[in-house]
C-alpha cells in the first residue's frame, strides 16, 4: 500500500524534525529508511507525476529531510517488518534485533554499497 508506506515516511520525517529541533546542539547525521520502492521513487525523482494523495506528503517530507538521506532497506533486514511476520519477538532480550538494530547498520563506512538499492 503506497499510501500507508508514504504515511509512515511522513510520520518518521515529522518525528525526526521534532527530535532534531530539541537536540539541535548535537551534530549527527540522519538517515531515513523505507522498504517501499514506490515511496523512495517519489522522493528521489522530482520530475515524476505524483498521485494526488502523495503531492503534499512528499512536499512536507522534502521540507524537513534531504533526498540524499533516504535509503532502501529490504524487508528481510527491516526490523519493523518483524512485527507483521507472526514470529516470536524477544522483547526482553537485550541482544534482540529490536535493541541492537539490523546488522547492516554496523558495517564499515555506515553501509556497504551492496545494501543500497537505487531504482
Protein backbone atom coordinates (compact mmCIF):
# COMPACT_ATOMS: atom_id res chain seq x y z
CA UNK A 1 0.00 0.00 0.00
CA UNK A 2 1.87 3.10 -1.11
CA UNK A 3 -0.44 5.34 0.95
CA UNK A 4 0.43 3.63 4.22
CA UNK A 5 4.11 3.49 3.36
CA UNK A 6 4.07 7.18 2.46
CA UNK A 7 2.29 7.99 5.71
CA UNK A 8 4.95 6.04 7.62
CA UNK A 9 7.69 8.06 5.89
CA UNK A 10 5.85 11.31 6.67
CA UNK A 11 5.40 10.42 10.34
CA UNK A 12 9.06 9.42 10.57
CA UNK A 13 10.17 12.69 8.96
CA UNK A 14 7.95 14.72 11.31
CA UNK A 15 9.23 12.85 14.36
CA UNK A 16 12.84 13.29 13.28
CA UNK A 17 12.30 17.02 12.68
CA UNK A 18 10.88 17.38 16.18
CA UNK A 19 13.74 15.45 17.80
CA UNK A 20 16.33 17.41 15.81
CA UNK A 21 14.76 20.69 16.90
CA UNK A 22 15.03 19.64 20.55
CA UNK A 23 18.63 18.46 20.13
CA UNK A 24 19.97 20.88 17.53
CA UNK A 25 23.17 21.29 19.56
CA UNK A 26 24.13 17.66 18.86
CA UNK A 27 25.85 17.22 15.50
CA UNK A 28 24.93 13.92 13.91
CA UNK A 29 23.89 12.63 10.51
CA UNK A 30 20.37 11.49 9.85
CA UNK A 31 19.29 8.67 7.60
CA UNK A 32 15.75 7.60 6.85
CA UNK A 33 14.87 4.07 5.82
CA UNK A 34 11.95 2.69 3.85
CA UNK A 35 11.21 -0.69 2.35
CA UNK A 36 8.85 0.92 -0.16
CA UNK A 37 10.50 1.36 -3.52
CA UNK A 38 7.48 3.34 -4.71
CA UNK A 39 7.78 5.92 -1.93
CA UNK A 40 11.52 6.22 -2.49
CA UNK A 41 10.99 6.78 -6.22
CA UNK A 42 8.56 9.57 -5.37
CA UNK A 43 11.16 11.17 -3.09
CA UNK A 44 14.19 10.59 -5.31
CA UNK A 45 12.65 11.77 -8.59
CA UNK A 46 11.32 15.35 -8.51
CA UNK A 47 10.05 15.11 -12.10
CA UNK A 48 7.74 12.16 -11.56
CA UNK A 49 3.99 12.80 -11.75
CA UNK A 50 2.67 12.03 -8.28
CA UNK A 51 -0.75 10.70 -7.39
CA UNK A 52 -2.93 13.41 -5.86
CA UNK A 53 -2.73 11.96 -2.33
CA UNK A 54 1.08 11.96 -2.44
CA UNK A 55 1.76 15.55 -3.51
CA UNK A 56 1.50 17.28 -0.13
CA UNK A 57 3.07 14.41 1.82
CA UNK A 58 6.12 14.23 -0.44
CA UNK A 59 6.44 18.01 -0.29
CA UNK A 60 6.36 18.02 3.51
CA UNK A 61 8.87 15.16 3.75
CA UNK A 62 11.28 17.03 1.46
CA UNK A 63 10.89 20.23 3.50
CA UNK A 64 12.30 18.56 6.62
CA UNK A 65 14.65 15.98 5.07
CA UNK A 66 17.03 15.78 2.13
CA UNK A 67 16.64 13.29 -0.70
CA UNK A 68 20.19 12.04 -0.08
CA UNK A 69 19.21 10.95 3.44
CA UNK A 70 16.67 8.39 2.24
CA UNK A 71 17.72 4.76 1.91
CA UNK A 72 16.14 1.48 0.90
CA UNK A 73 16.03 -1.44 3.32
CA UNK A 74 14.81 -4.81 2.11
CA UNK A 75 12.01 -6.47 4.06
CA UNK A 76 14.33 -9.17 5.37
CA UNK A 77 16.52 -6.54 7.08
CA UNK A 78 13.65 -4.30 8.17
CA UNK A 79 13.18 -4.66 11.92
CA UNK A 80 9.75 -3.02 11.74
CA UNK A 81 8.52 -5.82 9.47
CA UNK A 82 9.21 -8.45 12.12
CA UNK A 83 6.05 -7.44 13.95
CA UNK A 84 3.96 -8.32 10.88
CA UNK A 85 5.53 -11.74 10.22
CA UNK A 86 3.90 -13.59 13.14
CA UNK A 87 7.26 -14.68 14.52
CA UNK A 88 8.08 -14.62 18.22
CA UNK A 89 9.82 -11.37 19.16
CA UNK A 90 12.29 -11.34 22.04
CA UNK A 91 11.44 -8.01 23.67
CA UNK A 92 13.08 -8.98 26.97
CA UNK A 93 16.40 -9.96 25.38
CA UNK A 94 18.85 -7.03 25.22
CA UNK A 95 20.63 -8.78 22.31
CA UNK A 96 17.41 -8.92 20.30
CA UNK A 97 17.42 -7.17 16.93
CA UNK A 98 14.80 -4.82 18.46
CA UNK A 99 17.53 -3.41 20.71
CA UNK A 100 20.64 -3.83 18.59
CA UNK A 101 19.26 -2.98 15.15
CA UNK A 102 19.93 -4.83 11.90
CA UNK A 103 23.48 -5.98 11.27
CA UNK A 104 24.00 -3.92 8.12
CA UNK A 105 23.98 -0.71 10.19
CA UNK A 106 27.27 -1.77 11.73
CA UNK A 107 29.19 -2.33 8.50
CA UNK A 108 32.27 -0.20 7.93
CA UNK A 109 31.58 3.17 6.37
CA UNK A 110 27.99 3.12 7.66
CA UNK A 111 26.85 0.72 4.99
CA UNK A 112 28.31 -1.42 2.27
CA UNK A 113 27.33 -0.20 -1.18
CA UNK A 114 25.64 -3.53 -1.84
CA UNK A 115 23.00 -2.66 0.76
CA UNK A 116 21.79 0.36 -1.18
CA UNK A 117 19.09 -0.19 -3.73
CA UNK A 118 18.78 2.72 -6.13
CA UNK A 119 15.99 2.27 -8.60
